[in-house]
């Protein structure tokens, strides 16, 4: 799976992941410390272990998954960013988070086509 270098999708995805990794556990922490910790494991640990070989130059992955699995992981991160944003941030900050997630979905399309073999 060859990959051309387009930094915009990667930058947008990393920004959305950072929001997800902070806002969603923060929201879960209002309910339970255990939910906050579980969300961190889900949002950071699972994608660190599961990956599609060949995606973003990864050749040796701990647990290989098909391309559609990687797409679902990205959608999970984006959903957590949006949900966390609306649960803990004021609306003026949650709106840009939502727009960031939508921009990620748009800019990720070439990568997702590669991951699906198209």
PDB file of N, CA and C in Angstrom:
ATOM      1  N   UNK A   1       0.856  -1.163   0.000  1.00  0.00           N
ATOM      2  CA  UNK A   1       0.000   0.000   0.000  1.00  0.00           C
ATOM      3  C   UNK A   1       0.906   1.230   0.000  1.00  0.00           C
ATOM      4  N   UNK A   2       1.111   1.813  -1.172  1.00  0.00           N
ATOM      5  CA  UNK A   2       1.975   2.985  -1.241  1.00  0.00           C
ATOM      6  C   UNK A   2       1.226   4.195  -0.709  1.00  0.00           C
ATOM      7  N   UNK A   3       1.991   5.119  -0.179  1.00  0.00           N
ATOM      8  CA  UNK A   3       1.377   6.283   0.447  1.00  0.00           C
ATOM      9  C   UNK A   3       2.059   7.533  -0.050  1.00  0.00           C
ATOM     10  N   UNK A   4       1.260   8.445  -0.599  1.00  0.00           N
ATOM     11  CA  UNK A   4       1.787   9.740  -0.966  1.00  0.00           C
ATOM     12  C   UNK A   4       1.762  10.614   0.274  1.00  0.00           C
ATOM     13  N   UNK A   5       2.634  11.614   0.295  1.00  0.00           N
ATOM     14  CA  UNK A   5       2.741  12.459   1.472  1.00  0.00           C
ATOM     15  C   UNK A   5       1.820  13.670   1.349  1.00  0.00           C
ATOM     16  N   UNK A   6       0.742  13.657   2.119  1.00  0.00           N
ATOM     17  CA  UNK A   6      -0.170  14.787   2.226  1.00  0.00           C
ATOM     18  C   UNK A   6      -0.300  15.105   3.711  1.00  0.00           C
ATOM     19  N   UNK A   7       0.379  16.130   4.202  1.00  0.00           N
ATOM     20  CA  UNK A   7       0.387  16.357   5.648  1.00  0.00           C
ATOM     21  C   UNK A   7      -0.938  16.841   6.239  1.00  0.00           C
ATOM     22  N   UNK A   8      -1.795  17.508   5.457  1.00  0.00           N
ATOM     23  CA  UNK A   8      -3.021  18.071   6.031  1.00  0.00           C
ATOM     24  C   UNK A   8      -3.902  17.026   6.715  1.00  0.00           C
ATOM     25  N   UNK A   9      -4.210  15.894   6.075  1.00  0.00           N
ATOM     26  CA  UNK A   9      -5.045  14.901   6.779  1.00  0.00           C
ATOM     27  C   UNK A   9      -4.408  14.401   8.073  1.00  0.00           C
ATOM     28  N   UNK A  10      -3.092  14.211   8.056  1.00  0.00           N
ATOM     29  CA  UNK A  10      -2.407  13.730   9.258  1.00  0.00           C
ATOM     30  C   UNK A  10      -2.471  14.763  10.378  1.00  0.00           C
ATOM     31  N   UNK A  11      -2.254  16.030  10.032  1.00  0.00           N
ATOM     32  CA  UNK A  11      -2.290  17.102  11.036  1.00  0.00           C
ATOM     33  C   UNK A  11      -3.688  17.225  11.631  1.00  0.00           C
ATOM     34  N   UNK A  12      -4.704  17.224  10.777  1.00  0.00           N
ATOM     35  CA  UNK A  12      -6.078  17.333  11.273  1.00  0.00           C
ATOM     36  C   UNK A  12      -6.443  16.148  12.155  1.00  0.00           C
ATOM     37  N   UNK A  13      -6.030  14.941  11.743  1.00  0.00           N
ATOM     38  CA  UNK A  13      -6.338  13.743  12.527  1.00  0.00           C
ATOM     39  C   UNK A  13      -5.652  13.795  13.893  1.00  0.00           C
ATOM     40  N   UNK A  14      -4.400  14.231  13.936  1.00  0.00           N
ATOM     41  CA  UNK A  14      -3.680  14.317  15.211  1.00  0.00           C
ATOM     42  C   UNK A  14      -4.343  15.345  16.130  1.00  0.00           C
ATOM     43  N   UNK A  15      -4.745  16.481  15.582  1.00  0.00           N
ATOM     44  CA  UNK A  15      -5.433  17.484  16.403  1.00  0.00           C
ATOM     45  C   UNK A  15      -6.736  16.921  16.975  1.00  0.00           C
ATOM     46  N   UNK A  16      -7.489  16.213  16.145  1.00  0.00           N
ATOM     47  CA  UNK A  16      -8.742  15.613  16.620  1.00  0.00           C
ATOM     48  C   UNK A  16      -8.466  14.548  17.679  1.00  0.00           C
ATOM     49  N   UNK A  17      -7.407  13.763  17.486  1.00  0.00           N
ATOM     50  CA  UNK A  17      -7.053  12.745  18.477  1.00  0.00           C
ATOM     51  C   UNK A  17      -6.693  13.392  19.812  1.00  0.00           C
ATOM     52  N   UNK A  18      -5.960  14.488  19.775  1.00  0.00           N
ATOM     53  CA  UNK A  18      -5.603  15.177  21.021  1.00  0.00           C
ATOM     54  C   UNK A  18      -6.846  15.659  21.763  1.00  0.00           C
ATOM     55  N   UNK A  19      -7.820  16.173  21.019  1.00  0.00           N
ATOM     56  CA  UNK A  19      -9.078  16.583  21.650  1.00  0.00           C
ATOM     57  C   UNK A  19      -9.773  15.365  22.247  1.00  0.00           C
ATOM     58  N   UNK A  20      -9.830  14.275  21.485  1.00  0.00           N
ATOM     59  CA  UNK A  20     -10.492  13.057  21.981  1.00  0.00           C
ATOM     60  C   UNK A  20      -9.808  12.544  23.236  1.00  0.00           C
ATOM     61  N   UNK A  21      -8.485  12.537  23.241  1.00  0.00           N
ATOM     62  CA  UNK A  21      -7.730  11.994  24.368  1.00  0.00           C
ATOM     63  C   UNK A  21      -7.871  12.838  25.630  1.00  0.00           C
ATOM     64  N   UNK A  22      -8.258  14.098  25.492  1.00  0.00           N
ATOM     65  CA  UNK A  22      -8.422  14.949  26.676  1.00  0.00           C
ATOM     66  C   UNK A  22      -9.895  15.145  27.034  1.00  0.00           C
ATOM     67  N   UNK A  23     -10.705  15.553  26.064  1.00  0.00           N
ATOM     68  CA  UNK A  23     -12.091  15.913  26.369  1.00  0.00           C
ATOM     69  C   UNK A  23     -12.947  14.709  26.758  1.00  0.00           C
ATOM     70  N   UNK A  24     -12.804  13.595  26.040  1.00  0.00           N
ATOM     71  CA  UNK A  24     -13.680  12.454  26.342  1.00  0.00           C
ATOM     72  C   UNK A  24     -13.375  11.841  27.717  1.00  0.00           C
ATOM     73  N   UNK A  25     -12.101  11.578  28.053  1.00  0.00           N
ATOM     74  CA  UNK A  25     -11.834  11.078  29.411  1.00  0.00           C
ATOM     75  C   UNK A  25     -12.251  12.082  30.493  1.00  0.00           C
ATOM     76  N   UNK A  26     -12.107  13.360  30.209  1.00  0.00           N
ATOM     77  CA  UNK A  26     -12.549  14.397  31.140  1.00  0.00           C
ATOM     78  C   UNK A  26     -14.058  14.257  31.379  1.00  0.00           C
ATOM     79  N   UNK A  27     -14.817  14.090  30.307  1.00  0.00           N
ATOM     80  CA  UNK A  27     -16.265  13.912  30.434  1.00  0.00           C
ATOM     81  C   UNK A  27     -16.587  12.633  31.209  1.00  0.00           C
ATOM     82  N   UNK A  28     -15.884  11.556  30.911  1.00  0.00           N
ATOM     83  CA  UNK A  28     -16.124  10.292  31.612  1.00  0.00           C
ATOM     84  C   UNK A  28     -15.702  10.388  33.070  1.00  0.00           C
ATOM     85  N   UNK A  29     -14.679  11.193  33.349  1.00  0.00           N
ATOM     86  CA  UNK A  29     -14.220  11.380  34.715  1.00  0.00           C
ATOM     87  C   UNK A  29     -15.253  12.044  35.605  1.00  0.00           C
ATOM     88  N   UNK A  30     -16.174  12.785  35.002  1.00  0.00           N
ATOM     89  CA  UNK A  30     -17.263  13.385  35.778  1.00  0.00           C
ATOM     90  C   UNK A  30     -18.212  12.311  36.310  1.00  0.00           C
ATOM     91  N   UNK A  31     -18.219  11.162  35.646  1.00  0.00           N
ATOM     92  CA  UNK A  31     -19.080  10.051  36.061  1.00  0.00           C
ATOM     93  C   UNK A  31     -18.312   9.100  36.965  1.00  0.00           C
ATOM     94  N   UNK A  32     -17.103   8.709  36.507  1.00  0.00           N
ATOM     95  CA  UNK A  32     -16.324   7.722  37.249  1.00  0.00           C
ATOM     96  C   UNK A  32     -14.870   7.771  36.795  1.00  0.00           C
ATOM     97  N   UNK A  33     -13.972   7.644  37.738  1.00  0.00           N
ATOM     98  CA  UNK A  33     -12.551   7.572  37.401  1.00  0.00           C
ATOM     99  C   UNK A  33     -12.278   6.346  36.537  1.00  0.00           C
ATOM    100  N   UNK A  34     -12.984   5.254  36.803  1.00  0.00           N
ATOM    101  CA  UNK A  34     -12.788   4.022  36.036  1.00  0.00           C
ATOM    102  C   UNK A  34     -13.217   4.202  34.588  1.00  0.00           C
ATOM    103  N   UNK A  35     -14.291   4.946  34.354  1.00  0.00           N
ATOM    104  CA  UNK A  35     -14.713   5.228  32.977  1.00  0.00           C
ATOM    105  C   UNK A  35     -13.678   6.090  32.260  1.00  0.00           C
ATOM    106  N   UNK A  36     -13.103   7.035  32.980  1.00  0.00           N
ATOM    107  CA  UNK A  36     -12.067   7.879  32.385  1.00  0.00           C
ATOM    108  C   UNK A  36     -10.858   7.037  31.984  1.00  0.00           C
ATOM    109  N   UNK A  37     -10.430   6.156  32.873  1.00  0.00           N
ATOM    110  CA  UNK A  37      -9.284   5.295  32.565  1.00  0.00           C
ATOM    111  C   UNK A  37      -9.603   4.332  31.424  1.00  0.00           C
ATOM    112  N   UNK A  38     -10.801   3.768  31.430  1.00  0.00           N
ATOM    113  CA  UNK A  38     -11.198   2.856  30.350  1.00  0.00           C
ATOM    114  C   UNK A  38     -11.236   3.582  29.013  1.00  0.00           C
ATOM    115  N   UNK A  39     -11.702   4.825  29.014  1.00  0.00           N
ATOM    116  CA  UNK A  39     -11.744   5.572  27.755  1.00  0.00           C
ATOM    117  C   UNK A  39     -10.339   5.866  27.250  1.00  0.00           C
ATOM    118  N   UNK A  40      -9.403   6.117  28.145  1.00  0.00           N
ATOM    119  CA  UNK A  40      -8.017   6.329  27.721  1.00  0.00           C
ATOM    120  C   UNK A  40      -7.433   5.064  27.102  1.00  0.00           C
ATOM    121  N   UNK A  41      -7.707   3.927  27.715  1.00  0.00           N
ATOM    122  CA  UNK A  41      -7.226   2.658  27.149  1.00  0.00           C
ATOM    123  C   UNK A  41      -7.830   2.447  25.767  1.00  0.00           C
ATOM    124  N   UNK A  42      -9.116   2.711  25.641  1.00  0.00           N
ATOM    125  CA  UNK A  42      -9.803   2.521  24.363  1.00  0.00           C
ATOM    126  C   UNK A  42      -9.288   3.490  23.295  1.00  0.00           C
ATOM    127  N   UNK A  43      -9.089   4.751  23.664  1.00  0.00           N
ATOM    128  CA  UNK A  43      -8.713   5.772  22.683  1.00  0.00           C
ATOM    129  C   UNK A  43      -7.226   5.783  22.341  1.00  0.00           C
ATOM    130  N   UNK A  44      -6.384   5.385  23.279  1.00  0.00           N
ATOM    131  CA  UNK A  44      -4.937   5.430  23.031  1.00  0.00           C
ATOM    132  C   UNK A  44      -4.361   4.025  22.888  1.00  0.00           C
ATOM    133  N   UNK A  45      -4.715   3.136  23.802  1.00  0.00           N
ATOM    134  CA  UNK A  45      -4.121   1.804  23.810  1.00  0.00           C
ATOM    135  C   UNK A  45      -4.520   0.932  22.642  1.00  0.00           C
ATOM    136  N   UNK A  46      -5.811   0.888  22.335  1.00  0.00           N
ATOM    137  CA  UNK A  46      -6.285   0.009  21.261  1.00  0.00           C
ATOM    138  C   UNK A  46      -5.684   0.400  19.910  1.00  0.00           C
ATOM    139  N   UNK A  47      -5.722   1.690  19.508  1.00  0.00           N
ATOM    140  CA  UNK A  47      -5.103   2.040  18.221  1.00  0.00           C
ATOM    141  C   UNK A  47      -3.576   1.854  18.203  1.00  0.00           C
ATOM    142  N   UNK A  48      -2.951   1.863  19.376  1.00  0.00           N
ATOM    143  CA  UNK A  48      -1.507   1.636  19.415  1.00  0.00           C
ATOM    144  C   UNK A  48      -1.167   0.178  19.137  1.00  0.00           C
ATOM    145  N   UNK A  49      -2.092  -0.721  19.435  1.00  0.00           N
ATOM    146  CA  UNK A  49      -1.854  -2.152  19.251  1.00  0.00           C
ATOM    147  C   UNK A  49      -2.384  -2.642  17.910  1.00  0.00           C
ATOM    148  N   UNK A  50      -3.555  -2.172  17.515  1.00  0.00           N
ATOM    149  CA  UNK A  50      -4.178  -2.608  16.264  1.00  0.00           C
ATOM    150  C   UNK A  50      -3.811  -1.649  15.138  1.00  0.00           C
ATOM    151  N   UNK A  51      -3.366  -2.188  14.015  1.00  0.00           N
ATOM    152  CA  UNK A  51      -3.023  -1.339  12.869  1.00  0.00           C
ATOM    153  C   UNK A  51      -3.063  -2.163  11.590  1.00  0.00           C
ATOM    154  N   UNK A  52      -3.221  -1.455  10.491  1.00  0.00           N
ATOM    155  CA  UNK A  52      -3.215  -2.090   9.181  1.00  0.00           C
ATOM    156  C   UNK A  52      -1.796  -2.052   8.635  1.00  0.00           C
ATOM    157  N   UNK A  53      -1.183  -3.204   8.353  1.00  0.00           N
ATOM    158  CA  UNK A  53       0.165  -3.202   7.782  1.00  0.00           C
ATOM    159  C   UNK A  53       0.198  -2.402   6.480  1.00  0.00           C
ATOM    160  N   UNK A  54       1.209  -1.559   6.354  1.00  0.00           N
ATOM    161  CA  UNK A  54       1.368  -0.739   5.160  1.00  0.00           C
ATOM    162  C   UNK A  54       0.733   0.625   5.266  1.00  0.00           C
ATOM    163  N   UNK A  55      -0.142   0.833   6.237  1.00  0.00           N
ATOM    164  CA  UNK A  55      -0.773   2.139   6.401  1.00  0.00           C
ATOM    165  C   UNK A  55       0.194   3.087   7.089  1.00  0.00           C
ATOM    166  N   UNK A  56       0.360   4.255   6.509  1.00  0.00           N
ATOM    167  CA  UNK A  56       1.263   5.276   7.055  1.00  0.00           C
ATOM    168  C   UNK A  56       2.671   4.732   7.289  1.00  0.00           C
ATOM    169  N   UNK A  57       3.116   3.854   6.416  1.00  0.00           N
ATOM    170  CA  UNK A  57       4.477   3.334   6.482  1.00  0.00           C
ATOM    171  C   UNK A  57       4.705   2.270   7.539  1.00  0.00           C
ATOM    172  N   UNK A  58       3.660   1.788   8.183  1.00  0.00           N
ATOM    173  CA  UNK A  58       3.815   0.764   9.221  1.00  0.00           C
ATOM    174  C   UNK A  58       4.034  -0.589   8.557  1.00  0.00           C
ATOM    175  N   UNK A  59       5.147  -1.224   8.887  1.00  0.00           N
ATOM    176  CA  UNK A  59       5.419  -2.546   8.328  1.00  0.00           C
ATOM    177  C   UNK A  59       5.301  -3.640   9.377  1.00  0.00           C
ATOM    178  N   UNK A  60       5.641  -3.319  10.611  1.00  0.00           N
ATOM    179  CA  UNK A  60       5.600  -4.304  11.684  1.00  0.00           C
ATOM    180  C   UNK A  60       4.599  -3.821  12.730  1.00  0.00           C
ATOM    181  N   UNK A  61       3.423  -4.414  12.744  1.00  0.00           N
ATOM    182  CA  UNK A  61       2.383  -3.992  13.683  1.00  0.00           C
ATOM    183  C   UNK A  61       2.109  -5.113  14.675  1.00  0.00           C
ATOM    184  N   UNK A  62       1.821  -4.775  15.940  1.00  0.00           N
ATOM    185  CA  UNK A  62       1.585  -5.819  16.945  1.00  0.00           C
ATOM    186  C   UNK A  62       0.428  -6.746  16.579  1.00  0.00           C
ATOM    187  N   UNK A  63      -0.723  -6.169  16.239  1.00  0.00           N
ATOM    188  CA  UNK A  63      -1.893  -6.967  15.858  1.00  0.00           C
ATOM    189  C   UNK A  63      -2.442  -6.393  14.554  1.00  0.00           C
ATOM    190  N   UNK A  64      -2.209  -7.090  13.437  1.00  0.00           N
ATOM    191  CA  UNK A  64      -2.694  -6.566  12.156  1.00  0.00           C
ATOM    192  C   UNK A  64      -4.214  -6.677  12.030  1.00  0.00           C
ATOM    193  N   UNK A  65      -4.801  -5.633  11.469  1.00  0.00           N
ATOM    194  CA  UNK A  65      -6.244  -5.627  11.207  1.00  0.00           C
ATOM    195  C   UNK A  65      -6.462  -5.164   9.770  1.00  0.00           C
ATOM    196  N   UNK A  66      -7.609  -5.500   9.186  1.00  0.00           N
ATOM    197  CA  UNK A  66      -7.887  -5.034   7.823  1.00  0.00           C
ATOM    198  C   UNK A  66      -8.104  -3.518   7.802  1.00  0.00           C
ATOM    199  N   UNK A  67      -8.069  -2.955   6.611  1.00  0.00           N
ATOM    200  CA  UNK A  67      -8.209  -1.514   6.449  1.00  0.00           C
ATOM    201  C   UNK A  67      -9.482  -0.950   7.041  1.00  0.00           C
ATOM    202  N   UNK A  68     -10.593  -1.682   6.909  1.00  0.00           N
ATOM    203  CA  UNK A  68     -11.849  -1.168   7.454  1.00  0.00           C
ATOM    204  C   UNK A  68     -11.778  -1.041   8.976  1.00  0.00           C
ATOM    205  N   UNK A  69     -10.955  -1.856   9.622  1.00  0.00           N
ATOM    206  CA  UNK A  69     -10.781  -1.748  11.072  1.00  0.00           C
ATOM    207  C   UNK A  69     -10.092  -0.451  11.458  1.00  0.00           C
ATOM    208  N   UNK A  70      -9.094  -0.067  10.670  1.00  0.00           N
ATOM    209  CA  UNK A  70      -8.410   1.200  10.918  1.00  0.00           C
ATOM    210  C   UNK A  70      -9.368   2.369  10.719  1.00  0.00           C
ATOM    211  N   UNK A  71     -10.206   2.286   9.704  1.00  0.00           N
ATOM    212  CA  UNK A  71     -11.192   3.344   9.466  1.00  0.00           C
ATOM    213  C   UNK A  71     -12.143   3.452  10.658  1.00  0.00           C
ATOM    214  N   UNK A  72     -12.585   2.324  11.188  1.00  0.00           N
ATOM    215  CA  UNK A  72     -13.468   2.349  12.360  1.00  0.00           C
ATOM    216  C   UNK A  72     -12.769   2.955  13.573  1.00  0.00           C
ATOM    217  N   UNK A  73     -11.468   2.675  13.726  1.00  0.00           N
ATOM    218  CA  UNK A  73     -10.726   3.274  14.838  1.00  0.00           C
ATOM    219  C   UNK A  73     -10.666   4.794  14.699  1.00  0.00           C
ATOM    220  N   UNK A  74     -10.441   5.277  13.478  1.00  0.00           N
ATOM    221  CA  UNK A  74     -10.410   6.731  13.248  1.00  0.00           C
ATOM    222  C   UNK A  74     -11.781   7.331  13.547  1.00  0.00           C
ATOM    223  N   UNK A  75     -12.841   6.683  13.082  1.00  0.00           N
ATOM    224  CA  UNK A  75     -14.190   7.188  13.352  1.00  0.00           C
ATOM    225  C   UNK A  75     -14.498   7.185  14.853  1.00  0.00           C
ATOM    226  N   UNK A  76     -13.983   6.188  15.577  1.00  0.00           N
ATOM    227  CA  UNK A  76     -14.156   6.158  17.028  1.00  0.00           C
ATOM    228  C   UNK A  76     -13.490   7.380  17.663  1.00  0.00           C
ATOM    229  N   UNK A  77     -12.259   7.674  17.231  1.00  0.00           N
ATOM    230  CA  UNK A  77     -11.531   8.831  17.763  1.00  0.00           C
ATOM    231  C   UNK A  77     -12.275  10.130  17.461  1.00  0.00           C
ATOM    232  N   UNK A  78     -12.758  10.261  16.222  1.00  0.00           N
ATOM    233  CA  UNK A  78     -13.471  11.480  15.842  1.00  0.00           C
ATOM    234  C   UNK A  78     -14.774  11.615  16.628  1.00  0.00           C
ATOM    235  N   UNK A  79     -15.484  10.515  16.795  1.00  0.00           N
ATOM    236  CA  UNK A  79     -16.713  10.545  17.589  1.00  0.00           C
ATOM    237  C   UNK A  79     -16.445  10.929  19.035  1.00  0.00           C
ATOM    238  N   UNK A  80     -15.357  10.416  19.596  1.00  0.00           N
ATOM    239  CA  UNK A  80     -14.999  10.757  20.974  1.00  0.00           C
ATOM    240  C   UNK A  80     -14.622  12.228  21.092  1.00  0.00           C
ATOM    241  N   UNK A  81     -13.948  12.755  20.074  1.00  0.00           N
ATOM    242  CA  UNK A  81     -13.586  14.176  20.097  1.00  0.00           C
ATOM    243  C   UNK A  81     -14.840  15.044  20.102  1.00  0.00           C
ATOM    244  N   UNK A  82     -15.779  14.725  19.223  1.00  0.00           N
ATOM    245  CA  UNK A  82     -17.013  15.516  19.138  1.00  0.00           C
ATOM    246  C   UNK A  82     -17.842  15.361  20.418  1.00  0.00           C
ATOM    247  N   UNK A  83     -18.040  14.126  20.857  1.00  0.00           N
ATOM    248  CA  UNK A  83     -18.833  13.898  22.071  1.00  0.00           C
ATOM    249  C   UNK A  83     -18.184  14.569  23.278  1.00  0.00           C
ATOM    250  N   UNK A  84     -16.885  14.367  23.424  1.00  0.00           N
ATOM    251  CA  UNK A  84     -16.181  14.991  24.540  1.00  0.00           C
ATOM    252  C   UNK A  84     -16.233  16.501  24.469  1.00  0.00           C
ATOM    253  N   UNK A  85     -16.088  17.032  23.256  1.00  0.00           N
ATOM    254  CA  UNK A  85     -16.152  18.480  23.084  1.00  0.00           C
ATOM    255  C   UNK A  85     -17.484  19.049  23.544  1.00  0.00           C
ATOM    256  N   UNK A  86     -18.578  18.417  23.121  1.00  0.00           N
ATOM    257  CA  UNK A  86     -19.899  18.929  23.491  1.00  0.00           C
ATOM    258  C   UNK A  86     -20.226  18.675  24.960  1.00  0.00           C
ATOM    259  N   UNK A  87     -19.611  17.657  25.565  1.00  0.00           N
ATOM    260  CA  UNK A  87     -19.904  17.365  26.967  1.00  0.00           C
ATOM    261  C   UNK A  87     -19.147  18.251  27.943  1.00  0.00           C
ATOM    262  N   UNK A  88     -17.938  18.687  27.582  1.00  0.00           N
ATOM    263  CA  UNK A  88     -17.143  19.432  28.564  1.00  0.00           C
ATOM    264  C   UNK A  88     -16.736  20.833  28.120  1.00  0.00           C
ATOM    265  N   UNK A  89     -16.833  21.138  26.867  1.00  0.00           N
ATOM    266  CA  UNK A  89     -16.403  22.450  26.393  1.00  0.00           C
ATOM    267  C   UNK A  89     -17.603  23.361  26.178  1.00  0.00           C
ATOM    268  N   UNK A  90     -17.380  24.675  26.254  1.00  0.00           N
ATOM    269  CA  UNK A  90     -18.468  25.584  25.895  1.00  0.00           C
ATOM    270  C   UNK A  90     -18.758  25.467  24.398  1.00  0.00           C
ATOM    271  N   UNK A  91     -19.937  25.883  23.993  1.00  0.00           N
ATOM    272  CA  UNK A  91     -20.355  25.738  22.591  1.00  0.00           C
ATOM    273  C   UNK A  91     -19.382  26.405  21.633  1.00  0.00           C
ATOM    274  N   UNK A  92     -18.825  27.563  22.025  1.00  0.00           N
ATOM    275  CA  UNK A  92     -17.905  28.254  21.119  1.00  0.00           C
ATOM    276  C   UNK A  92     -16.646  27.429  20.853  1.00  0.00           C
ATOM    277  N   UNK A  93     -16.322  26.489  21.720  1.00  0.00           N
ATOM    278  CA  UNK A  93     -15.172  25.607  21.499  1.00  0.00           C
ATOM    279  C   UNK A  93     -15.601  24.266  20.896  1.00  0.00           C
ATOM    280  N   UNK A  94     -16.804  23.823  21.211  1.00  0.00           N
ATOM    281  CA  UNK A  94     -17.286  22.541  20.682  1.00  0.00           C
ATOM    282  C   UNK A  94     -17.590  22.622  19.193  1.00  0.00           C
ATOM    283  N   UNK A  95     -18.043  23.772  18.724  1.00  0.00           N
ATOM    284  CA  UNK A  95     -18.335  23.927  17.294  1.00  0.00           C
ATOM    285  C   UNK A  95     -17.073  23.725  16.455  1.00  0.00           C
ATOM    286  N   UNK A  96     -15.934  24.374  16.778  1.00  0.00           N
ATOM    287  CA  UNK A  96     -14.720  24.109  15.993  1.00  0.00           C
ATOM    288  C   UNK A  96     -14.249  22.652  16.072  1.00  0.00           C
ATOM    289  N   UNK A  97     -14.459  22.000  17.201  1.00  0.00           N
ATOM    290  CA  UNK A  97     -14.096  20.581  17.316  1.00  0.00           C
ATOM    291  C   UNK A  97     -14.935  19.756  16.345  1.00  0.00           C
ATOM    292  N   UNK A  98     -16.214  20.065  16.267  1.00  0.00           N
ATOM    293  CA  UNK A  98     -17.097  19.359  15.333  1.00  0.00           C
ATOM    294  C   UNK A  98     -16.668  19.607  13.892  1.00  0.00           C
ATOM    295  N   UNK A  99     -16.341  20.857  13.573  1.00  0.00           N
ATOM    296  CA  UNK A  99     -15.877  21.184  12.221  1.00  0.00           C
ATOM    297  C   UNK A  99     -14.551  20.493  11.912  1.00  0.00           C
ATOM    298  N   UNK A 100     -13.680  20.389  12.916  1.00  0.00           N
ATOM    299  CA  UNK A 100     -12.413  19.679  12.747  1.00  0.00           C
ATOM    300  C   UNK A 100     -12.669  18.211  12.414  1.00  0.00           C
ATOM    301  N   UNK A 101     -13.583  17.589  13.124  1.00  0.00           N
ATOM    302  CA  UNK A 101     -13.904  16.181  12.859  1.00  0.00           C
ATOM    303  C   UNK A 101     -14.474  16.009  11.455  1.00  0.00           C
ATOM    304  N   UNK A 102     -15.337  16.914  11.036  1.00  0.00           N
ATOM    305  CA  UNK A 102     -15.890  16.846   9.678  1.00  0.00           C
ATOM    306  C   UNK A 102     -14.796  17.037   8.635  1.00  0.00           C
ATOM    307  N   UNK A 103     -13.871  17.959   8.897  1.00  0.00           N
ATOM    308  CA  UNK A 103     -12.749  18.164   7.972  1.00  0.00           C
ATOM    309  C   UNK A 103     -11.892  16.909   7.891  1.00  0.00           C
ATOM    310  N   UNK A 104     -11.728  16.224   9.012  1.00  0.00           N
ATOM    311  CA  UNK A 104     -10.967  14.965   9.009  1.00  0.00           C
ATOM    312  C   UNK A 104     -11.633  13.930   8.115  1.00  0.00           C
ATOM    313  N   UNK A 105     -12.934  13.801   8.229  1.00  0.00           N
ATOM    314  CA  UNK A 105     -13.651  12.819   7.404  1.00  0.00           C
ATOM    315  C   UNK A 105     -13.438  13.123   5.926  1.00  0.00           C
ATOM    316  N   UNK A 106     -13.470  14.394   5.564  1.00  0.00           N
ATOM    317  CA  UNK A 106     -13.282  14.781   4.158  1.00  0.00           C
ATOM    318  C   UNK A 106     -11.851  14.514   3.707  1.00  0.00           C
ATOM    319  N   UNK A 107     -10.871  14.953   4.493  1.00  0.00           N
ATOM    320  CA  UNK A 107      -9.472  14.823   4.062  1.00  0.00           C
ATOM    321  C   UNK A 107      -8.944  13.396   4.167  1.00  0.00           C
ATOM    322  N   UNK A 108      -9.602  12.553   4.951  1.00  0.00           N
ATOM    323  CA  UNK A 108      -9.183  11.152   5.087  1.00  0.00           C
ATOM    324  C   UNK A 108      -9.642  10.276   3.923  1.00  0.00           C
ATOM    325  N   UNK A 109     -10.498  10.775   3.060  1.00  0.00           N
ATOM    326  CA  UNK A 109     -11.075   9.952   1.995  1.00  0.00           C
ATOM    327  C   UNK A 109     -10.036   9.228   1.130  1.00  0.00           C
ATOM    328  N   UNK A 110      -8.951   9.876   0.668  1.00  0.00           N
ATOM    329  CA  UNK A 110      -7.961   9.126  -0.131  1.00  0.00           C
ATOM    330  C   UNK A 110      -7.329   7.971   0.654  1.00  0.00           C
ATOM    331  N   UNK A 111      -7.013   8.214   1.912  1.00  0.00           N
ATOM    332  CA  UNK A 111      -6.435   7.150   2.750  1.00  0.00           C
ATOM    333  C   UNK A 111      -7.442   6.024   2.932  1.00  0.00           C
ATOM    334  N   UNK A 112      -8.683   6.362   3.180  1.00  0.00           N
ATOM    335  CA  UNK A 112      -9.698   5.336   3.388  1.00  0.00           C
ATOM    336  C   UNK A 112      -9.913   4.511   2.130  1.00  0.00           C
ATOM    337  N   UNK A 113      -9.835   5.155   0.963  1.00  0.00           N
ATOM    338  CA  UNK A 113      -9.960   4.386  -0.287  1.00  0.00           C
ATOM    339  C   UNK A 113      -8.805   3.394  -0.407  1.00  0.00           C
ATOM    340  N   UNK A 114      -7.591   3.840  -0.057  1.00  0.00           N
ATOM    341  CA  UNK A 114      -6.431   2.929  -0.073  1.00  0.00           C
ATOM    342  C   UNK A 114      -6.643   1.782   0.908  1.00  0.00           C
ATOM    343  N   UNK A 115      -7.122   2.107   2.104  1.00  0.00           N
ATOM    344  CA  UNK A 115      -7.328   1.078   3.123  1.00  0.00           C
ATOM    345  C   UNK A 115      -8.382   0.058   2.710  1.00  0.00           C
ATOM    346  N   UNK A 116      -9.350   0.494   1.929  1.00  0.00           N
ATOM    347  CA  UNK A 116     -10.391  -0.421   1.456  1.00  0.00           C
ATOM    348  C   UNK A 116     -10.003  -1.121   0.163  1.00  0.00           C
ATOM    349  N   UNK A 117      -8.789  -0.806  -0.315  1.00  0.00           N
ATOM    350  CA  UNK A 117      -8.288  -1.478  -1.513  1.00  0.00           C
ATOM    351  C   UNK A 117      -8.766  -0.880  -2.812  1.00  0.00           C
ATOM    352  N   UNK A 118      -9.254   0.338  -2.751  1.00  0.00           N
ATOM    353  CA  UNK A 118      -9.796   0.968  -3.958  1.00  0.00           C
ATOM    354  C   UNK A 118      -8.952   2.008  -4.559  1.00  0.00           C
TER     355      UNK A 118
END
